Amino acid sequence: MRRIALISPLALVACAPPVPMAEDFIPDYLGVETVPLDGDLVQFNVAMTKALSEQDVRRYAECAAAQYTMDRGYGFVRHLRTNVTEEGGVWAADAVYTISPTLPDGLATVDAEVTVAACKETGIPTV
């Protein structure tokens, strides 16, 4: 006699991965460390979880740089480099910018006031 195993529908549900909830996609910003380097050079170390891409952590660093620039009475930053890593769900970046009271030369310039306003609109912390 041949036996047929019956699988309960509840057993199948228990094996399914959990359905993502809305809060699973809300970034958790873990903070900013600001390191003045030399003159107008500043490094920003940021960390976050639930980033959807490398661009999210880069944007977080840019928001921090823009606010730092405004806090010093300057209006512009110029992006020099950003290194991004991800380990165990924690995204981190160390980014270096120059801060300037006037629009600096170069292609990667950022208007600090406009950037801070955009960061606040999208919920990215600037401090």
PDB file of N, CA and C in Angstrom:
ATOM      1  N   MET A   1       0.837  -1.170   0.000  1.00  0.00           N
ATOM      2  CA  MET A   1       0.000   0.000   0.000  1.00  0.00           C
ATOM      3  C   MET A   1       0.887   1.241   0.000  1.00  0.00           C
ATOM      4  N   ARG A   2       0.562   2.128  -0.822  1.00  0.00           N
ATOM      5  CA  ARG A   2       1.337   3.345  -0.982  1.00  0.00           C
ATOM      6  C   ARG A   2       0.773   4.451  -0.105  1.00  0.00           C
ATOM      7  N   ARG A   3       1.660   5.169   0.611  1.00  0.00           N
ATOM      8  CA  ARG A   3       1.197   6.263   1.481  1.00  0.00           C
ATOM      9  C   ARG A   3       1.393   7.600   0.787  1.00  0.00           C
ATOM     10  N   ILE A   4       0.454   8.439   0.940  1.00  0.00           N
ATOM     11  CA  ILE A   4       0.531   9.788   0.377  1.00  0.00           C
ATOM     12  C   ILE A   4       0.602  10.750   1.548  1.00  0.00           C
ATOM     13  N   ALA A   5       1.634  11.564   1.516  1.00  0.00           N
ATOM     14  CA  ALA A   5       1.800  12.557   2.588  1.00  0.00           C
ATOM     15  C   ALA A   5       0.983  13.793   2.246  1.00  0.00           C
ATOM     16  N   LEU A   6       0.220  14.217   3.189  1.00  0.00           N
ATOM     17  CA  LEU A   6      -0.554  15.437   3.025  1.00  0.00           C
ATOM     18  C   LEU A   6       0.158  16.567   3.763  1.00  0.00           C
ATOM     19  N   ILE A   7       0.296  17.685   3.097  1.00  0.00           N
ATOM     20  CA  ILE A   7       0.951  18.845   3.703  1.00  0.00           C
ATOM     21  C   ILE A   7      -0.115  19.881   3.999  1.00  0.00           C
ATOM     22  N   SER A   8      -0.132  20.298   5.208  1.00  0.00           N
ATOM     23  CA  SER A   8      -1.090  21.306   5.639  1.00  0.00           C
ATOM     24  C   SER A   8      -0.756  22.646   4.981  1.00  0.00           C
ATOM     25  N   PRO A   9      -1.761  23.390   4.552  1.00  0.00           N
ATOM     26  CA  PRO A   9      -1.498  24.723   3.997  1.00  0.00           C
ATOM     27  C   PRO A   9      -0.789  25.623   5.001  1.00  0.00           C
ATOM     28  N   LEU A  10      -1.040  25.437   6.282  1.00  0.00           N
ATOM     29  CA  LEU A  10      -0.363  26.239   7.306  1.00  0.00           C
ATOM     30  C   LEU A  10       1.130  25.944   7.334  1.00  0.00           C
ATOM     31  N   ALA A  11       1.511  24.728   7.087  1.00  0.00           N
ATOM     32  CA  ALA A  11       2.930  24.375   7.060  1.00  0.00           C
ATOM     33  C   ALA A  11       3.629  25.091   5.906  1.00  0.00           C
ATOM     34  N   LEU A  12       2.955  25.226   4.775  1.00  0.00           N
ATOM     35  CA  LEU A  12       3.548  25.936   3.643  1.00  0.00           C
ATOM     36  C   LEU A  12       3.710  27.415   3.938  1.00  0.00           C
ATOM     37  N   VAL A  13       2.755  28.005   4.616  1.00  0.00           N
ATOM     38  CA  VAL A  13       2.835  29.418   4.974  1.00  0.00           C
ATOM     39  C   VAL A  13       3.986  29.649   5.937  1.00  0.00           C
ATOM     40  N   ALA A  14       4.214  28.744   6.844  1.00  0.00           N
ATOM     41  CA  ALA A  14       5.294  28.893   7.819  1.00  0.00           C
ATOM     42  C   ALA A  14       6.660  28.895   7.147  1.00  0.00           C
ATOM     43  N   CYS A  15       6.788  28.280   5.984  1.00  0.00           N
ATOM     44  CA  CYS A  15       8.064  28.216   5.264  1.00  0.00           C
ATOM     45  C   CYS A  15       8.286  29.420   4.359  1.00  0.00           C
ATOM     46  N   ALA A  16       7.240  30.162   4.063  1.00  0.00           N
ATOM     47  CA  ALA A  16       7.353  31.305   3.160  1.00  0.00           C
ATOM     48  C   ALA A  16       8.081  32.449   3.862  1.00  0.00           C
ATOM     49  N   PRO A  17       8.883  33.205   3.113  1.00  0.00           N
ATOM     50  CA  PRO A  17       9.556  34.351   3.722  1.00  0.00           C
ATOM     51  C   PRO A  17       8.521  35.388   4.142  1.00  0.00           C
ATOM     52  N   PRO A  18       8.824  36.158   5.181  1.00  0.00           N
ATOM     53  CA  PRO A  18       7.854  37.151   5.634  1.00  0.00           C
ATOM     54  C   PRO A  18       7.619  38.223   4.567  1.00  0.00           C
ATOM     55  N   VAL A  19       6.417  38.706   4.511  1.00  0.00           N
ATOM     56  CA  VAL A  19       6.059  39.762   3.573  1.00  0.00           C
ATOM     57  C   VAL A  19       6.661  41.072   4.090  1.00  0.00           C
ATOM     58  N   PRO A  20       7.409  41.799   3.231  1.00  0.00           N
ATOM     59  CA  PRO A  20       7.991  43.070   3.682  1.00  0.00           C
ATOM     60  C   PRO A  20       6.900  44.061   4.069  1.00  0.00           C
ATOM     61  N   MET A  21       7.165  44.793   5.114  1.00  0.00           N
ATOM     62  CA  MET A  21       6.248  45.824   5.594  1.00  0.00           C
ATOM     63  C   MET A  21       6.807  47.185   5.173  1.00  0.00           C
ATOM     64  N   ALA A  22       5.988  48.210   5.232  1.00  0.00           N
ATOM     65  CA  ALA A  22       6.420  49.553   4.823  1.00  0.00           C
ATOM     66  C   ALA A  22       7.651  50.008   5.607  1.00  0.00           C
ATOM     67  N   GLU A  23       7.699  49.707   6.906  1.00  0.00           N
ATOM     68  CA  GLU A  23       8.832  50.156   7.728  1.00  0.00           C
ATOM     69  C   GLU A  23      10.146  49.477   7.342  1.00  0.00           C
ATOM     70  N   ASP A  24      10.063  48.372   6.603  1.00  0.00           N
ATOM     71  CA  ASP A  24      11.278  47.707   6.129  1.00  0.00           C
ATOM     72  C   ASP A  24      12.018  48.543   5.089  1.00  0.00           C
ATOM     73  N   PHE A  25      11.349  49.540   4.524  1.00  0.00           N
ATOM     74  CA  PHE A  25      11.946  50.355   3.470  1.00  0.00           C
ATOM     75  C   PHE A  25      12.240  51.785   3.918  1.00  0.00           C
ATOM     76  N   ILE A  26      12.007  52.082   5.181  1.00  0.00           N
ATOM     77  CA  ILE A  26      12.295  53.420   5.698  1.00  0.00           C
ATOM     78  C   ILE A  26      13.725  53.423   6.212  1.00  0.00           C
ATOM     79  N   PRO A  27      14.613  54.231   5.599  1.00  0.00           N
ATOM     80  CA  PRO A  27      16.014  54.233   6.017  1.00  0.00           C
ATOM     81  C   PRO A  27      16.176  54.618   7.488  1.00  0.00           C
ATOM     82  N   ASP A  28      17.163  54.022   8.101  1.00  0.00           N
ATOM     83  CA  ASP A  28      17.517  54.338   9.481  1.00  0.00           C
ATOM     84  C   ASP A  28      18.892  54.987   9.429  1.00  0.00           C
ATOM     85  N   TYR A  29      18.934  56.280   9.679  1.00  0.00           N
ATOM     86  CA  TYR A  29      20.175  57.042   9.608  1.00  0.00           C
ATOM     87  C   TYR A  29      20.886  56.935  10.950  1.00  0.00           C
ATOM     88  N   LEU A  30      22.113  56.432  10.921  1.00  0.00           N
ATOM     89  CA  LEU A  30      22.833  56.104  12.151  1.00  0.00           C
ATOM     90  C   LEU A  30      23.789  57.185  12.626  1.00  0.00           C
ATOM     91  N   GLY A  31      23.918  58.263  11.896  1.00  0.00           N
ATOM     92  CA  GLY A  31      24.729  59.369  12.374  1.00  0.00           C
ATOM     93  C   GLY A  31      25.846  59.783  11.438  1.00  0.00           C
ATOM     94  N   VAL A  32      26.411  60.938  11.777  1.00  0.00           N
ATOM     95  CA  VAL A  32      27.460  61.563  10.976  1.00  0.00           C
ATOM     96  C   VAL A  32      28.630  61.892  11.886  1.00  0.00           C
ATOM     97  N   GLU A  33      29.820  61.582  11.431  1.00  0.00           N
ATOM     98  CA  GLU A  33      31.045  62.034  12.095  1.00  0.00           C
ATOM     99  C   GLU A  33      31.728  62.990  11.120  1.00  0.00           C
ATOM    100  N   THR A  34      31.997  64.199  11.586  1.00  0.00           N
ATOM    101  CA  THR A  34      32.637  65.209  10.755  1.00  0.00           C
ATOM    102  C   THR A  34      34.089  65.352  11.169  1.00  0.00           C
ATOM    103  N   VAL A  35      34.984  65.284  10.191  1.00  0.00           N
ATOM    104  CA  VAL A  35      36.420  65.363  10.466  1.00  0.00           C
ATOM    105  C   VAL A  35      37.033  66.464   9.600  1.00  0.00           C
ATOM    106  N   PRO A  36      37.310  67.654  10.202  1.00  0.00           N
ATOM    107  CA  PRO A  36      38.016  68.685   9.434  1.00  0.00           C
ATOM    108  C   PRO A  36      39.419  68.174   9.085  1.00  0.00           C
ATOM    109  N   LEU A  37      39.817  68.314   7.839  1.00  0.00           N
ATOM    110  CA  LEU A  37      41.114  67.799   7.410  1.00  0.00           C
ATOM    111  C   LEU A  37      42.147  68.920   7.358  1.00  0.00           C
ATOM    112  N   ASP A  38      42.093  69.748   6.339  1.00  0.00           N
ATOM    113  CA  ASP A  38      43.070  70.812   6.209  1.00  0.00           C
ATOM    114  C   ASP A  38      42.415  71.973   5.475  1.00  0.00           C
ATOM    115  N   GLY A  39      42.419  73.124   6.090  1.00  0.00           N
ATOM    116  CA  GLY A  39      41.820  74.293   5.454  1.00  0.00           C
ATOM    117  C   GLY A  39      40.346  74.090   5.193  1.00  0.00           C
ATOM    118  N   ASP A  40      39.977  74.085   3.919  1.00  0.00           N
ATOM    119  CA  ASP A  40      38.565  73.951   3.545  1.00  0.00           C
ATOM    120  C   ASP A  40      38.155  72.515   3.226  1.00  0.00           C
ATOM    121  N   LEU A  41      39.033  71.536   3.493  1.00  0.00           N
ATOM    122  CA  LEU A  41      38.711  70.117   3.264  1.00  0.00           C
ATOM    123  C   LEU A  41      38.046  69.513   4.502  1.00  0.00           C
ATOM    124  N   VAL A  42      36.952  68.800   4.276  1.00  0.00           N
ATOM    125  CA  VAL A  42      36.232  68.175   5.387  1.00  0.00           C
ATOM    126  C   VAL A  42      35.800  66.773   4.955  1.00  0.00           C
ATOM    127  N   GLN A  43      35.971  65.813   5.865  1.00  0.00           N
ATOM    128  CA  GLN A  43      35.527  64.442   5.623  1.00  0.00           C
ATOM    129  C   GLN A  43      34.272  64.180   6.445  1.00  0.00           C
ATOM    130  N   PHE A  44      33.300  63.517   5.831  1.00  0.00           N
ATOM    131  CA  PHE A  44      32.051  63.158   6.489  1.00  0.00           C
ATOM    132  C   PHE A  44      31.918  61.644   6.461  1.00  0.00           C
ATOM    133  N   ASN A  45      31.833  61.044   7.644  1.00  0.00           N
ATOM    134  CA  ASN A  45      31.617  59.604   7.768  1.00  0.00           C
ATOM    135  C   ASN A  45      30.163  59.405   8.184  1.00  0.00           C
ATOM    136  N   VAL A  46      29.408  58.701   7.375  1.00  0.00           N
ATOM    137  CA  VAL A  46      27.989  58.474   7.644  1.00  0.00           C
ATOM    138  C   VAL A  46      27.696  56.978   7.615  1.00  0.00           C
ATOM    139  N   ALA A  47      26.623  56.588   8.284  1.00  0.00           N
ATOM    140  CA  ALA A  47      26.189  55.193   8.275  1.00  0.00           C
ATOM    141  C   ALA A  47      24.665  55.143   8.310  1.00  0.00           C
ATOM    142  N   MET A  48      24.121  54.106   7.677  1.00  0.00           N
ATOM    143  CA  MET A  48      22.677  53.939   7.663  1.00  0.00           C
ATOM    144  C   MET A  48      22.333  52.485   7.356  1.00  0.00           C
ATOM    145  N   THR A  49      21.113  52.107   7.675  1.00  0.00           N
ATOM    146  CA  THR A  49      20.589  50.806   7.291  1.00  0.00           C
ATOM    147  C   THR A  49      19.385  51.038   6.388  1.00  0.00           C
ATOM    148  N   LYS A  50      18.963  49.979   5.740  1.00  0.00           N
ATOM    149  CA  LYS A  50      17.794  49.993   4.852  1.00  0.00           C
ATOM    150  C   LYS A  50      17.971  50.905   3.642  1.00  0.00           C
ATOM    151  N   ALA A  51      19.217  51.125   3.233  1.00  0.00           N
ATOM    152  CA  ALA A  51      19.458  51.860   1.988  1.00  0.00           C
ATOM    153  C   ALA A  51      19.036  50.968   0.829  1.00  0.00           C
ATOM    154  N   LEU A  52      18.450  51.561  -0.179  1.00  0.00           N
ATOM    155  CA  LEU A  52      18.059  50.791  -1.355  1.00  0.00           C
ATOM    156  C   LEU A  52      19.211  50.654  -2.339  1.00  0.00           C
ATOM    157  N   SER A  53      20.157  51.583  -2.263  1.00  0.00           N
ATOM    158  CA  SER A  53      21.318  51.536  -3.151  1.00  0.00           C
ATOM    159  C   SER A  53      22.443  52.369  -2.553  1.00  0.00           C
ATOM    160  N   GLU A  54      23.577  52.281  -3.194  1.00  0.00           N
ATOM    161  CA  GLU A  54      24.740  53.079  -2.799  1.00  0.00           C
ATOM    162  C   GLU A  54      24.422  54.570  -2.858  1.00  0.00           C
ATOM    163  N   GLN A  55      23.558  54.951  -3.784  1.00  0.00           N
ATOM    164  CA  GLN A  55      23.203  56.363  -3.947  1.00  0.00           C
ATOM    165  C   GLN A  55      22.555  56.937  -2.686  1.00  0.00           C
ATOM    166  N   ASP A  56      21.802  56.131  -1.939  1.00  0.00           N
ATOM    167  CA  ASP A  56      21.160  56.619  -0.712  1.00  0.00           C
ATOM    168  C   ASP A  56      22.187  57.083   0.306  1.00  0.00           C
ATOM    169  N   VAL A  57      23.249  56.329   0.508  1.00  0.00           N
ATOM    170  CA  VAL A  57      24.257  56.700   1.504  1.00  0.00           C
ATOM    171  C   VAL A  57      25.110  57.862   0.986  1.00  0.00           C
ATOM    172  N   ARG A  58      25.316  57.936  -0.307  1.00  0.00           N
ATOM    173  CA  ARG A  58      26.030  59.085  -0.885  1.00  0.00           C
ATOM    174  C   ARG A  58      25.227  60.373  -0.658  1.00  0.00           C
ATOM    175  N   ARG A  59      23.925  60.273  -0.837  1.00  0.00           N
ATOM    176  CA  ARG A  59      23.055  61.446  -0.649  1.00  0.00           C
ATOM    177  C   ARG A  59      23.057  61.888   0.816  1.00  0.00           C
ATOM    178  N   TYR A  60      23.074  60.941   1.727  1.00  0.00           N
ATOM    179  CA  TYR A  60      23.136  61.245   3.161  1.00  0.00           C
ATOM    180  C   TYR A  60      24.407  62.045   3.462  1.00  0.00           C
ATOM    181  N   ALA A  61      25.535  61.632   2.918  1.00  0.00           N
ATOM    182  CA  ALA A  61      26.798  62.356   3.126  1.00  0.00           C
ATOM    183  C   ALA A  61      26.720  63.760   2.535  1.00  0.00           C
ATOM    184  N   GLU A  62      26.114  63.881   1.370  1.00  0.00           N
ATOM    185  CA  GLU A  62      25.977  65.193   0.740  1.00  0.00           C
ATOM    186  C   GLU A  62      25.104  66.125   1.579  1.00  0.00           C
ATOM    187  N   CYS A  63      24.046  65.585   2.158  1.00  0.00           N
ATOM    188  CA  CYS A  63      23.179  66.391   3.021  1.00  0.00           C
ATOM    189  C   CYS A  63      23.951  66.894   4.248  1.00  0.00           C
ATOM    190  N   ALA A  64      24.750  66.024   4.834  1.00  0.00           N
ATOM    191  CA  ALA A  64      25.559  66.414   5.993  1.00  0.00           C
ATOM    192  C   ALA A  64      26.565  67.490   5.607  1.00  0.00           C
ATOM    193  N   ALA A  65      27.197  67.337   4.447  1.00  0.00           N
ATOM    194  CA  ALA A  65      28.185  68.316   3.986  1.00  0.00           C
ATOM    195  C   ALA A  65      27.534  69.673   3.735  1.00  0.00           C
ATOM    196  N   ALA A  66      26.357  69.667   3.158  1.00  0.00           N
ATOM    197  CA  ALA A  66      25.659  70.924   2.869  1.00  0.00           C
ATOM    198  C   ALA A  66      25.300  71.662   4.159  1.00  0.00           C
ATOM    199  N   GLN A  67      24.778  70.940   5.153  1.00  0.00           N
ATOM    200  CA  GLN A  67      24.417  71.580   6.419  1.00  0.00           C
ATOM    201  C   GLN A  67      25.656  72.109   7.137  1.00  0.00           C
ATOM    202  N   TYR A  68      26.722  71.337   7.166  1.00  0.00           N
ATOM    203  CA  TYR A  68      27.978  71.754   7.791  1.00  0.00           C
ATOM    204  C   TYR A  68      28.473  73.058   7.152  1.00  0.00           C
ATOM    205  N   THR A  69      28.371  73.127   5.833  1.00  0.00           N
ATOM    206  CA  THR A  69      28.805  74.305   5.090  1.00  0.00           C
ATOM    207  C   THR A  69      27.985  75.523   5.482  1.00  0.00           C
ATOM    208  N   MET A  70      26.674  75.355   5.544  1.00  0.00           N
ATOM    209  CA  MET A  70      25.804  76.471   5.936  1.00  0.00           C
ATOM    210  C   MET A  70      26.064  76.909   7.375  1.00  0.00           C
ATOM    211  N   ASP A  71      26.309  75.943   8.253  1.00  0.00           N
ATOM    212  CA  ASP A  71      26.583  76.266   9.659  1.00  0.00           C
ATOM    213  C   ASP A  71      27.828  77.130   9.811  1.00  0.00           C
ATOM    214  N   ARG A  72      28.723  77.072   8.848  1.00  0.00           N
ATOM    215  CA  ARG A  72      29.943  77.863   8.890  1.00  0.00           C
ATOM    216  C   ARG A  72      29.823  79.157   8.091  1.00  0.00           C
ATOM    217  N   GLY A  73      28.628  79.446   7.610  1.00  0.00           N
ATOM    218  CA  GLY A  73      28.391  80.679   6.873  1.00  0.00           C
ATOM    219  C   GLY A  73      28.832  80.631   5.419  1.00  0.00           C
ATOM    220  N   TYR A  74      29.102  79.443   4.907  1.00  0.00           N
ATOM    221  CA  TYR A  74      29.504  79.278   3.521  1.00  0.00           C
ATOM    222  C   TYR A  74      28.299  78.842   2.702  1.00  0.00           C
ATOM    223  N   GLY A  75      28.417  78.963   1.379  1.00  0.00           N
ATOM    224  CA  GLY A  75      27.276  78.647   0.537  1.00  0.00           C
ATOM    225  C   GLY A  75      27.430  77.456  -0.385  1.00  0.00           C
ATOM    226  N   PHE A  76      28.671  76.957  -0.532  1.00  0.00           N
ATOM    227  CA  PHE A  76      28.883  75.917  -1.540  1.00  0.00           C
ATOM    228  C   PHE A  76      29.839  74.832  -1.049  1.00  0.00           C
ATOM    229  N   VAL A  77      29.652  73.647  -1.592  1.00  0.00           N
ATOM    230  CA  VAL A  77      30.583  72.549  -1.366  1.00  0.00           C
ATOM    231  C   VAL A  77      30.937  71.957  -2.722  1.00  0.00           C
ATOM    232  N   ARG A  78      32.111  71.374  -2.780  1.00  0.00           N
ATOM    233  CA  ARG A  78      32.528  70.667  -3.987  1.00  0.00           C
ATOM    234  C   ARG A  78      32.910  69.257  -3.585  1.00  0.00           C
ATOM    235  N   HIS A  79      32.290  68.301  -4.220  1.00  0.00           N
ATOM    236  CA  HIS A  79      32.531  66.894  -3.926  1.00  0.00           C
ATOM    237  C   HIS A  79      33.875  66.474  -4.503  1.00  0.00           C
ATOM    238  N   LEU A  80      34.702  65.825  -3.670  1.00  0.00           N
ATOM    239  CA  LEU A  80      35.991  65.319  -4.139  1.00  0.00           C
ATOM    240  C   LEU A  80      35.967  63.809  -4.317  1.00  0.00           C
ATOM    241  N   ARG A  81      35.464  63.086  -3.294  1.00  0.00           N
ATOM    242  CA  ARG A  81      35.384  61.627  -3.412  1.00  0.00           C
ATOM    243  C   ARG A  81      34.484  61.069  -2.331  1.00  0.00           C
ATOM    244  N   THR A  82      33.923  59.895  -2.622  1.00  0.00           N
ATOM    245  CA  THR A  82      33.132  59.162  -1.642  1.00  0.00           C
ATOM    246  C   THR A  82      33.445  57.678  -1.785  1.00  0.00           C
ATOM    247  N   ASN A  83      33.765  57.039  -0.660  1.00  0.00           N
ATOM    248  CA  ASN A  83      33.959  55.591  -0.611  1.00  0.00           C
ATOM    249  C   ASN A  83      32.776  54.992   0.135  1.00  0.00           C
ATOM    250  N   VAL A  84      32.123  54.011  -0.471  1.00  0.00           N
ATOM    251  CA  VAL A  84      30.941  53.391   0.124  1.00  0.00           C
ATOM    252  C   VAL A  84      31.218  51.917   0.378  1.00  0.00           C
ATOM    253  N   THR A  85      30.776  51.448   1.556  1.00  0.00           N
ATOM    254  CA  THR A  85      30.858  50.028   1.875  1.00  0.00           C
ATOM    255  C   THR A  85      29.510  49.580   2.432  1.00  0.00           C
ATOM    256  N   GLU A  86      29.267  48.268   2.364  1.00  0.00           N
ATOM    257  CA  GLU A  86      28.063  47.691   2.969  1.00  0.00           C
ATOM    258  C   GLU A  86      28.480  46.380   3.614  1.00  0.00           C
ATOM    259  N   GLU A  87      28.146  46.256   4.892  1.00  0.00           N
ATOM    260  CA  GLU A  87      28.479  45.034   5.615  1.00  0.00           C
ATOM    261  C   GLU A  87      27.371  44.736   6.614  1.00  0.00           C
ATOM    262  N   GLY A  88      26.807  43.573   6.494  1.00  0.00           N
ATOM    263  CA  GLY A  88      25.760  43.157   7.423  1.00  0.00           C
ATOM    264  C   GLY A  88      24.547  44.063   7.426  1.00  0.00           C
ATOM    265  N   GLY A  89      24.231  44.651   6.284  1.00  0.00           N
ATOM    266  CA  GLY A  89      23.064  45.531   6.196  1.00  0.00           C
ATOM    267  C   GLY A  89      23.335  46.970   6.583  1.00  0.00           C
ATOM    268  N   VAL A  90      24.552  47.268   7.039  1.00  0.00           N
ATOM    269  CA  VAL A  90      24.911  48.649   7.394  1.00  0.00           C
ATOM    270  C   VAL A  90      25.727  49.232   6.241  1.00  0.00           C
ATOM    271  N   TRP A  91      25.198  50.302   5.681  1.00  0.00           N
ATOM    272  CA  TRP A  91      25.887  51.027   4.624  1.00  0.00           C
ATOM    273  C   TRP A  91      26.680  52.152   5.269  1.00  0.00           C
ATOM    274  N   ALA A  92      27.909  52.350   4.836  1.00  0.00           N
ATOM    275  CA  ALA A  92      28.743  53.424   5.361  1.00  0.00           C
ATOM    276  C   ALA A  92      29.428  54.138   4.210  1.00  0.00           C
ATOM    277  N   ALA A  93      29.696  55.408   4.413  1.00  0.00           N
ATOM    278  CA  ALA A  93      30.422  56.184   3.413  1.00  0.00           C
ATOM    279  C   ALA A  93      31.361  57.127   4.120  1.00  0.00           C
ATOM    280  N   ASP A  94      32.521  57.322   3.523  1.00  0.00           N
ATOM    281  CA  ASP A  94      33.353  58.434   3.939  1.00  0.00           C
ATOM    282  C   ASP A  94      33.524  59.290   2.693  1.00  0.00           C
ATOM    283  N   ALA A  95      33.121  60.535   2.836  1.00  0.00           N
ATOM    284  CA  ALA A  95      33.101  61.463   1.710  1.00  0.00           C
ATOM    285  C   ALA A  95      33.934  62.683   2.062  1.00  0.00           C
ATOM    286  N   VAL A  96      34.643  63.195   1.082  1.00  0.00           N
ATOM    287  CA  VAL A  96      35.461  64.391   1.283  1.00  0.00           C
ATOM    288  C   VAL A  96      34.951  65.488   0.359  1.00  0.00           C
ATOM    289  N   TYR A  97      34.770  66.654   0.961  1.00  0.00           N
ATOM    290  CA  TYR A  97      34.294  67.830   0.242  1.00  0.00           C
ATOM    291  C   TYR A  97      35.180  69.019   0.583  1.00  0.00           C
ATOM    292  N   THR A  98      35.187  70.011  -0.293  1.00  0.00           N
ATOM    293  CA  THR A  98      35.735  71.313   0.067  1.00  0.00           C
ATOM    294  C   THR A  98      34.537  72.216   0.313  1.00  0.00           C
ATOM    295  N   ILE A  99      34.668  73.109   1.284  1.00  0.00           N
ATOM    296  CA  ILE A  99      33.607  74.073   1.547  1.00  0.00           C
ATOM    297  C   ILE A  99      34.094  75.437   1.073  1.00  0.00           C
ATOM    298  N   SER A 100      33.153  76.267   0.616  1.00  0.00           N
ATOM    299  CA  SER A 100      33.542  77.529   0.000  1.00  0.00           C
ATOM    300  C   SER A 100      32.445  78.574   0.156  1.00  0.00           C
ATOM    301  N   PRO A 101      32.831  79.839   0.391  1.00  0.00           N
ATOM    302  CA  PRO A 101      31.817  80.889   0.460  1.00  0.00           C
ATOM    303  C   PRO A 101      31.269  81.258  -0.919  1.00  0.00           C
ATOM    304  N   THR A 102      32.034  80.979  -1.963  1.00  0.00           N
ATOM    305  CA  THR A 102      31.603  81.288  -3.329  1.00  0.00           C
ATOM    306  C   THR A 102      31.628  80.006  -4.160  1.00  0.00           C
ATOM    307  N   LEU A 103      30.982  80.050  -5.306  1.00  0.00           N
ATOM    308  CA  LEU A 103      30.903  78.887  -6.177  1.00  0.00           C
ATOM    309  C   LEU A 103      32.314  78.474  -6.608  1.00  0.00           C
ATOM    310  N   PRO A 104      32.748  77.279  -6.208  1.00  0.00           N
ATOM    311  CA  PRO A 104      34.098  76.837  -6.582  1.00  0.00           C
ATOM    312  C   PRO A 104      34.138  76.339  -8.028  1.00  0.00           C
ATOM    313  N   ASP A 105      35.350  76.243  -8.556  1.00  0.00           N
ATOM    314  CA  ASP A 105      35.534  75.653  -9.876  1.00  0.00           C
ATOM    315  C   ASP A 105      35.230  74.166  -9.796  1.00  0.00           C
ATOM    316  N   GLY A 106      34.918  73.589 -10.922  1.00  0.00           N
ATOM    317  CA  GLY A 106      34.693  72.148 -10.962  1.00  0.00           C
ATOM    318  C   GLY A 106      33.264  71.808 -11.340  1.00  0.00           C
ATOM    319  N   LEU A 107      33.068  70.535 -11.653  1.00  0.00           N
ATOM    320  CA  LEU A 107      31.756  70.071 -12.087  1.00  0.00           C
ATOM    321  C   LEU A 107      30.886  69.587 -10.937  1.00  0.00           C
ATOM    322  N   ALA A 108      31.493  69.104  -9.865  1.00  0.00           N
ATOM    323  CA  ALA A 108      30.737  68.481  -8.771  1.00  0.00           C
ATOM    324  C   ALA A 108      30.459  69.480  -7.650  1.00  0.00           C
ATOM    325  N   THR A 109      29.908  70.644  -8.013  1.00  0.00           N
ATOM    326  CA  THR A 109      29.610  71.657  -7.004  1.00  0.00           C
ATOM    327  C   THR A 109      28.169  71.520  -6.525  1.00  0.00           C
ATOM    328  N   VAL A 110      27.967  71.903  -5.276  1.00  0.00           N
ATOM    329  CA  VAL A 110      26.660  71.763  -4.645  1.00  0.00           C
ATOM    330  C   VAL A 110      26.302  73.085  -3.973  1.00  0.00           C
ATOM    331  N   ASP A 111      25.112  73.593  -4.254  1.00  0.00           N
ATOM    332  CA  ASP A 111      24.594  74.768  -3.560  1.00  0.00           C
ATOM    333  C   ASP A 111      24.055  74.281  -2.220  1.00  0.00           C
ATOM    334  N   ALA A 112      24.692  74.689  -1.145  1.00  0.00           N
ATOM    335  CA  ALA A 112      24.359  74.161   0.184  1.00  0.00           C
ATOM    336  C   ALA A 112      22.912  74.446   0.582  1.00  0.00           C
ATOM    337  N   GLU A 113      22.443  75.655   0.369  1.00  0.00           N
ATOM    338  CA  GLU A 113      21.087  76.014   0.790  1.00  0.00           C
ATOM    339  C   GLU A 113      20.025  75.201   0.045  1.00  0.00           C
ATOM    340  N   VAL A 114      20.178  75.063  -1.249  1.00  0.00           N
ATOM    341  CA  VAL A 114      19.232  74.290  -2.058  1.00  0.00           C
ATOM    342  C   VAL A 114      19.266  72.820  -1.643  1.00  0.00           C
ATOM    343  N   THR A 115      20.453  72.306  -1.394  1.00  0.00           N
ATOM    344  CA  THR A 115      20.600  70.895  -1.026  1.00  0.00           C
ATOM    345  C   THR A 115      19.984  70.612   0.339  1.00  0.00           C
ATOM    346  N   VAL A 116      20.214  71.475   1.318  1.00  0.00           N
ATOM    347  CA  VAL A 116      19.626  71.272   2.648  1.00  0.00           C
ATOM    348  C   VAL A 116      18.107  71.285   2.563  1.00  0.00           C
ATOM    349  N   ALA A 117      17.549  72.202   1.788  1.00  0.00           N
ATOM    350  CA  ALA A 117      16.087  72.247   1.632  1.00  0.00           C
ATOM    351  C   ALA A 117      15.567  70.948   1.012  1.00  0.00           C
ATOM    352  N   ALA A 118      16.246  70.445  -0.011  1.00  0.00           N
ATOM    353  CA  ALA A 118      15.827  69.193  -0.656  1.00  0.00           C
ATOM    354  C   ALA A 118      15.949  68.015   0.308  1.00  0.00           C
ATOM    355  N   CYS A 119      16.993  68.006   1.122  1.00  0.00           N
ATOM    356  CA  CYS A 119      17.178  66.924   2.094  1.00  0.00           C
ATOM    357  C   CYS A 119      16.040  66.921   3.111  1.00  0.00           C
ATOM    358  N   LYS A 120      15.679  68.090   3.580  1.00  0.00           N
ATOM    359  CA  LYS A 120      14.588  68.178   4.558  1.00  0.00           C
ATOM    360  C   LYS A 120      13.274  67.728   3.942  1.00  0.00           C
ATOM    361  N   GLU A 121      13.046  68.072   2.695  1.00  0.00           N
ATOM    362  CA  GLU A 121      11.815  67.664   2.003  1.00  0.00           C
ATOM    363  C   GLU A 121      11.720  66.144   1.877  1.00  0.00           C
ATOM    364  N   THR A 122      12.840  65.486   1.677  1.00  0.00           N
ATOM    365  CA  THR A 122      12.843  64.041   1.469  1.00  0.00           C
ATOM    366  C   THR A 122      13.122  63.257   2.757  1.00  0.00           C
ATOM    367  N   GLY A 123      13.276  63.973   3.877  1.00  0.00           N
ATOM    368  CA  GLY A 123      13.444  63.308   5.166  1.00  0.00           C
ATOM    369  C   GLY A 123      14.849  62.828   5.460  1.00  0.00           C
ATOM    370  N   ILE A 124      15.842  63.311   4.723  1.00  0.00           N
ATOM    371  CA  ILE A 124      17.235  62.912   4.999  1.00  0.00           C
ATOM    372  C   ILE A 124      17.801  63.884   6.018  1.00  0.00           C
ATOM    373  N   PRO A 125      18.286  63.385   7.149  1.00  0.00           N
ATOM    374  CA  PRO A 125      18.839  64.280   8.167  1.00  0.00           C
ATOM    375  C   PRO A 125      20.074  65.010   7.647  1.00  0.00           C
ATOM    376  N   THR A 126      20.250  66.218   8.144  1.00  0.00           N
ATOM    377  CA  THR A 126      21.407  67.005   7.735  1.00  0.00           C
ATOM    378  C   THR A 126      22.414  67.176   8.863  1.00  0.00           C
ATOM    379  N   VAL A 127      22.117  66.625   9.996  1.00  0.00           N
ATOM    380  CA  VAL A 127      23.058  66.715  11.133  1.00  0.00           C
ATOM    381  C   VAL A 127      23.423  65.309  11.568  1.00  0.00           C
TER     382      VAL A 127
END
